[in-house]
Amino acid sequence: MVPDPPGPRSARVLAARRLRRPAARRVRGQFLVEGPQAVTAGLAAGALREIFVGSSAVDRYVELVHTAGIPVRVVSDDAVASLSETVTPQGVVALAEYPHHRIADLGEPRLVAICVDTQDPGNAGTIVRSADAAGADAVVFAGSSVDPFGGKAVRASAGSIFHLPVVTDIGVDDAVRQLRDHGCRIVATTPLAPRDIDTAQDAGELDTPTGWLFGNEARGLPRATVVSADAVLRVPVYGQAESLNLAVATAICLYASARAQARLGSGAAGVGGGERL
């Protein structure tokens, strides 16, 4: 008789479920990755340590199960659903190693997003995805930003959390100082800036290595941080919208730099699977 697969109360599943809490992720140095796209990206990066697959989903993920190269646990559908944070679980969840990237390890970055006190995990993950698409060298979550390795943020990154360094646990001033030491010009973004990114791009100001500062969704950047920047710019709004979503504004700024640098043949953009800018 074939034994029933482990359920939600099994020791391994309970231990993995605790990783839904930020404190547990920090203590154990691991986080949860959900869905085939993110799990495949994590495997390709060599970042995964264990995979849980629901018993009814095994046939869907046969190739993944047989080629993973790490332990794959077949558990009950209820068990894998208990690890999921989505309304409709996809039947596969993995444990990934919590990375410890540092700005000091970036070498000579040409494009970096510095997110200050970002609070929405969906924005955090989307910013990582946009930075990846723009060919950025890293994303830095400074100050009291949300954990970008939480479930919603990881899902919003669509696998990009494994494609570029994501730096956490760093103060804003320290992040700015280190990136400036690495040759980056620091540009703060605020809707009240007298100049916009189009003007700066036309003047050739975005051709150089740049660290973009993006503020909190509700409060923006602290005044002291704005004053400390080498330049202050805004995203132009041509219609009647009062403002742009943080993740959208971030993508626009990063792509402005990526386009400018690509024209110089710097290689900062267009190195992935998409078309060159």
Protein backbone atom coordinates (compact mmCIF):
# COMPACT_ATOMS: atom_id res chain seq x y z
CA MET A 1 0.00 0.00 0.00
CA VAL A 2 1.40 3.41 -1.02
CA PRO A 3 1.63 5.70 2.03
CA ASP A 4 -0.12 9.02 1.96
CA PRO A 5 2.21 11.94 1.17
CA PRO A 6 3.22 14.19 4.08
CA GLY A 7 0.55 16.72 5.03
CA PRO A 8 0.51 20.31 6.33
CA ARG A 9 1.44 19.22 9.87
CA SER A 10 4.57 17.29 8.89
CA ALA A 11 7.79 18.59 10.42
CA ARG A 12 9.40 19.62 7.13
CA VAL A 13 6.35 21.47 5.90
CA LEU A 14 5.85 23.25 9.21
CA ALA A 15 9.51 24.33 9.22
CA ALA A 16 9.20 25.64 5.67
CA ARG A 17 5.92 27.42 6.46
CA ARG A 18 7.67 29.48 9.14
CA LEU A 19 9.66 31.14 6.35
CA ARG A 20 6.57 33.15 5.50
CA ARG A 21 7.63 35.33 8.47
CA PRO A 22 10.46 37.88 7.95
CA ALA A 23 12.13 37.05 11.27
CA ALA A 24 12.31 33.34 10.41
CA ARG A 25 13.80 34.13 7.00
CA ARG A 26 16.58 36.13 8.61
CA VAL A 27 17.34 33.55 11.27
CA ARG A 28 17.41 30.57 8.90
CA GLY A 29 18.89 32.38 5.93
CA GLN A 30 16.26 31.00 3.56
CA PHE A 31 13.10 32.17 1.80
CA LEU A 32 10.22 30.58 -0.11
CA VAL A 33 9.91 30.61 -3.88
CA GLU A 34 6.56 29.78 -5.45
CA GLY A 35 5.54 28.75 -8.96
CA PRO A 36 7.35 27.05 -11.85
CA GLN A 37 8.84 30.25 -13.34
CA ALA A 38 10.51 31.37 -10.11
CA VAL A 39 11.56 27.83 -9.16
CA THR A 40 13.16 27.31 -12.57
CA ALA A 41 15.01 30.62 -12.27
CA GLY A 42 16.19 29.68 -8.78
CA LEU A 43 17.45 26.31 -10.01
CA ALA A 44 19.35 27.95 -12.87
CA ALA A 45 21.00 30.29 -10.37
CA GLY A 46 21.93 27.41 -8.06
CA ALA A 47 20.07 29.13 -5.23
CA LEU A 48 17.53 26.43 -4.28
CA ARG A 49 18.01 23.79 -1.60
CA GLU A 50 14.73 21.85 -1.53
CA ILE A 51 11.52 21.64 -3.56
CA PHE A 52 8.00 20.71 -2.45
CA VAL A 53 5.56 19.46 -5.09
CA GLY A 54 1.89 18.70 -4.50
CA SER A 55 0.94 15.10 -5.23
CA SER A 56 -1.56 16.05 -7.94
CA ALA A 57 0.97 18.40 -9.59
CA VAL A 58 3.79 15.87 -10.04
CA ASP A 59 2.74 15.02 -13.59
CA ARG A 60 2.82 18.72 -14.53
CA TYR A 61 6.38 19.12 -13.28
CA VAL A 62 7.90 15.79 -14.33
CA GLU A 63 10.94 17.37 -16.02
CA LEU A 64 11.56 19.71 -13.11
CA VAL A 65 11.30 16.84 -10.60
CA HIS A 66 13.72 14.61 -12.50
CA THR A 67 16.31 17.26 -13.41
CA ALA A 68 16.33 19.43 -10.28
CA GLY A 69 19.50 17.96 -8.81
CA ILE A 70 18.32 18.78 -5.28
CA PRO A 71 15.86 17.02 -2.93
CA VAL A 72 12.29 17.08 -4.24
CA ARG A 73 9.59 16.28 -1.66
CA VAL A 74 6.21 15.09 -2.88
CA VAL A 75 3.68 16.26 -0.31
CA SER A 76 -0.09 16.48 -0.18
CA ASP A 77 -1.84 19.25 -2.07
CA ASP A 78 -2.93 20.72 1.26
CA ALA A 79 0.69 20.76 2.41
CA VAL A 80 2.02 22.65 -0.60
CA ALA A 81 -1.00 24.99 -0.43
CA SER A 82 -0.07 25.79 3.20
CA LEU A 83 3.29 27.10 1.93
CA SER A 84 1.64 29.25 -0.72
CA GLU A 85 0.48 32.83 -0.27
CA THR A 86 -1.66 32.91 -3.42
CA VAL A 87 -5.37 32.27 -3.86
CA THR A 88 -4.67 29.61 -6.50
CA PRO A 89 -1.47 27.69 -5.58
CA GLN A 90 0.55 26.36 -8.53
CA GLY A 91 1.59 23.18 -6.75
CA VAL A 92 5.33 23.80 -6.42
CA VAL A 93 7.25 25.72 -3.75
CA ALA A 94 11.00 25.75 -3.08
CA LEU A 95 13.41 26.80 -0.35
CA ALA A 96 16.08 29.24 -1.52
CA GLU A 97 19.22 30.47 0.18
CA TYR A 98 18.95 34.06 1.41
CA PRO A 99 21.68 35.96 -0.48
CA HIS A 100 24.00 38.43 1.20
CA HIS A 101 25.04 40.75 -1.60
CA ARG A 102 27.09 43.85 -0.83
CA ILE A 103 27.75 47.03 -2.78
CA ALA A 104 31.45 46.40 -2.22
CA ASP A 105 31.17 43.31 -4.45
CA LEU A 106 29.65 45.12 -7.45
CA GLY A 107 32.94 46.11 -9.06
CA GLU A 108 32.25 49.10 -11.33
CA PRO A 109 28.44 49.33 -11.59
CA ARG A 110 26.94 51.50 -14.29
CA LEU A 111 23.28 51.39 -13.28
CA VAL A 112 21.86 50.84 -9.80
CA ALA A 113 18.41 51.45 -8.27
CA ILE A 114 18.47 52.62 -4.64
CA CYS A 115 15.06 52.22 -3.04
CA VAL A 116 14.62 54.20 0.17
CA ASP A 117 12.00 53.03 2.69
CA THR A 118 9.98 51.14 0.07
CA GLN A 119 6.96 49.63 1.84
CA ASP A 120 4.90 47.79 -0.76
CA PRO A 121 6.26 44.29 -1.52
CA GLY A 122 4.59 44.29 -4.93
CA ASN A 123 6.48 47.46 -5.82
CA ALA A 124 9.71 45.97 -4.48
CA GLY A 125 9.43 42.87 -6.65
CA THR A 126 8.37 44.83 -9.73
CA ILE A 127 11.34 47.17 -9.30
CA VAL A 128 13.69 44.17 -9.22
CA ARG A 129 12.05 42.83 -12.39
CA SER A 130 12.29 46.22 -14.13
CA ALA A 131 15.92 46.65 -13.08
CA ASP A 132 16.72 43.21 -14.45
CA ALA A 133 15.02 44.04 -17.75
CA ALA A 134 16.89 47.36 -17.99
CA GLY A 135 20.23 45.62 -17.49
CA ALA A 136 20.90 47.23 -14.10
CA ASP A 137 23.81 45.96 -12.04
CA ALA A 138 21.92 45.82 -8.73
CA VAL A 139 18.96 46.96 -6.68
CA VAL A 140 19.58 48.33 -3.19
CA PHE A 141 16.79 48.39 -0.60
CA ALA A 142 17.99 50.93 1.93
CA GLY A 143 16.63 52.28 5.19
CA SER A 144 13.44 50.67 6.49
CA SER A 145 12.45 49.07 3.19
CA VAL A 146 10.27 45.96 3.01
CA ASP A 147 12.03 42.60 2.74
CA PRO A 148 12.32 41.93 -1.02
CA PHE A 149 12.57 38.20 -0.26
CA GLY A 150 9.04 37.96 1.11
CA GLY A 151 6.44 35.98 -0.83
CA LYS A 152 4.65 38.81 -2.65
CA ALA A 153 7.88 40.56 -3.60
CA VAL A 154 9.46 37.35 -4.90
CA ARG A 155 6.36 36.59 -7.00
CA ALA A 156 6.30 40.13 -8.40
CA SER A 157 9.94 39.80 -9.43
CA ALA A 158 8.95 36.89 -11.75
CA GLY A 159 12.29 35.16 -11.20
CA SER A 160 14.41 38.29 -11.52
CA ILE A 161 15.27 38.10 -7.81
CA PHE A 162 17.84 35.48 -8.92
CA HIS A 163 19.23 37.43 -11.89
CA LEU A 164 20.97 40.38 -10.25
CA PRO A 165 22.35 41.33 -6.84
CA VAL A 166 19.71 42.61 -4.42
CA VAL A 167 21.32 44.43 -1.49
CA THR A 168 19.50 44.83 1.83
CA ASP A 169 20.30 45.85 5.41
CA ILE A 170 22.08 49.08 4.57
CA GLY A 171 21.50 52.70 5.53
CA VAL A 172 20.72 55.30 2.90
CA ASP A 173 23.79 57.44 3.56
CA ASP A 174 26.04 54.39 3.52
CA ALA A 175 24.56 53.16 0.23
CA VAL A 176 25.02 56.57 -1.39
CA ARG A 177 28.60 56.88 -0.13
CA GLN A 178 29.61 53.43 -1.32
CA LEU A 179 28.08 53.82 -4.77
CA ARG A 180 29.71 57.21 -5.17
CA ASP A 181 33.03 55.62 -4.18
CA HIS A 182 32.38 53.08 -6.95
CA GLY A 183 32.09 55.89 -9.50
CA CYS A 184 28.32 56.37 -9.66
CA ARG A 185 26.70 59.76 -10.03
CA ILE A 186 23.80 59.87 -7.57
CA VAL A 187 20.49 61.12 -8.97
CA ALA A 188 17.50 61.69 -6.69
CA THR A 189 13.95 61.57 -8.02
CA THR A 190 11.14 63.82 -6.81
CA PRO A 191 8.05 65.22 -8.58
CA LEU A 192 9.05 68.71 -7.38
CA ALA A 193 12.41 68.75 -9.17
CA PRO A 194 12.86 71.74 -11.53
CA ARG A 195 14.35 69.52 -14.28
CA ASP A 196 13.08 66.29 -15.83
CA ILE A 197 14.83 63.16 -17.08
CA ASP A 198 14.24 64.06 -20.73
CA THR A 199 16.20 67.29 -20.32
CA ALA A 200 18.97 65.46 -18.51
CA GLN A 201 19.13 62.76 -21.17
CA ASP A 202 19.32 65.34 -23.97
CA ALA A 203 22.21 66.99 -22.13
CA GLY A 204 24.10 63.69 -21.91
CA GLU A 205 23.87 63.53 -18.12
CA LEU A 206 22.60 59.95 -18.07
CA ASP A 207 25.49 58.53 -20.09
CA THR A 208 27.65 58.06 -17.01
CA PRO A 209 27.36 55.38 -14.26
CA THR A 210 24.29 56.30 -12.22
CA GLY A 211 22.73 55.37 -8.92
CA TRP A 212 19.06 56.37 -8.96
CA LEU A 213 17.43 57.23 -5.63
CA PHE A 214 13.72 56.41 -5.31
CA GLY A 215 11.67 57.34 -2.25
CA ASN A 216 8.85 55.92 -0.19
CA GLU A 217 5.49 55.47 -1.95
CA ALA A 218 3.72 58.06 0.23
CA ARG A 219 6.47 60.37 1.50
CA GLY A 220 9.06 60.31 -1.25
CA LEU A 221 12.71 60.89 -0.37
CA PRO A 222 13.86 62.57 2.85
CA ARG A 223 15.01 66.13 2.21
CA ALA A 224 18.51 65.37 3.47
CA THR A 225 18.83 62.55 0.94
CA VAL A 226 17.68 64.80 -1.89
CA VAL A 227 20.18 67.49 -0.91
CA SER A 228 23.00 64.94 -0.81
CA ALA A 229 22.44 63.85 -4.44
CA ASP A 230 24.51 65.05 -7.37
CA ALA A 231 21.35 65.84 -9.34
CA VAL A 232 17.61 65.96 -8.72
CA LEU A 233 15.21 65.03 -11.52
CA ARG A 234 11.55 64.25 -12.08
CA VAL A 235 9.65 62.05 -14.50
CA PRO A 236 7.63 64.35 -16.76
CA VAL A 237 3.86 63.97 -16.62
CA TYR A 238 2.21 65.09 -19.84
CA GLY A 239 -1.36 64.22 -18.95
CA GLN A 240 -3.56 64.98 -15.94
CA ALA A 241 -2.38 62.19 -13.61
CA GLU A 242 -1.23 63.56 -10.29
CA SER A 243 1.68 61.12 -10.06
CA LEU A 244 3.09 57.77 -11.16
CA ASN A 245 3.27 54.51 -9.27
CA LEU A 246 6.72 54.02 -7.73
CA ALA A 247 7.55 50.91 -9.74
CA VAL A 248 6.49 52.58 -13.00
CA ALA A 249 8.56 55.69 -12.29
CA THR A 250 11.54 53.51 -11.41
CA ALA A 251 11.30 51.61 -14.69
CA ILE A 252 11.13 54.85 -16.70
CA CYS A 253 14.24 56.25 -15.02
CA LEU A 254 16.25 53.04 -15.33
CA TYR A 255 15.39 52.69 -19.00
CA ALA A 256 16.36 56.32 -19.63
CA SER A 257 19.83 55.52 -18.29
CA ALA A 258 19.94 52.18 -20.11
CA ARG A 259 19.14 53.83 -23.45
CA ALA A 260 21.72 56.56 -22.91
CA GLN A 261 24.42 54.08 -21.97
CA ALA A 262 23.53 51.66 -24.78
CA ARG A 263 24.06 54.43 -27.32
CA LEU A 264 27.61 54.72 -26.06
CA GLY A 265 28.11 50.97 -26.42
CA SER A 266 28.72 50.59 -22.69
CA GLY A 267 26.98 47.23 -22.56
CA ALA A 268 24.84 48.37 -19.64
CA ALA A 269 21.68 47.41 -21.48
CA GLY A 270 20.42 44.88 -23.95
CA VAL A 271 22.60 42.02 -22.71
CA GLY A 272 19.68 39.76 -21.84
CA GLY A 273 17.23 37.89 -23.96
CA GLY A 274 15.28 40.88 -25.25
CA GLU A 275 16.01 43.28 -28.08
CA ARG A 276 18.78 45.81 -27.75
CA LEU A 277 17.60 49.29 -26.93
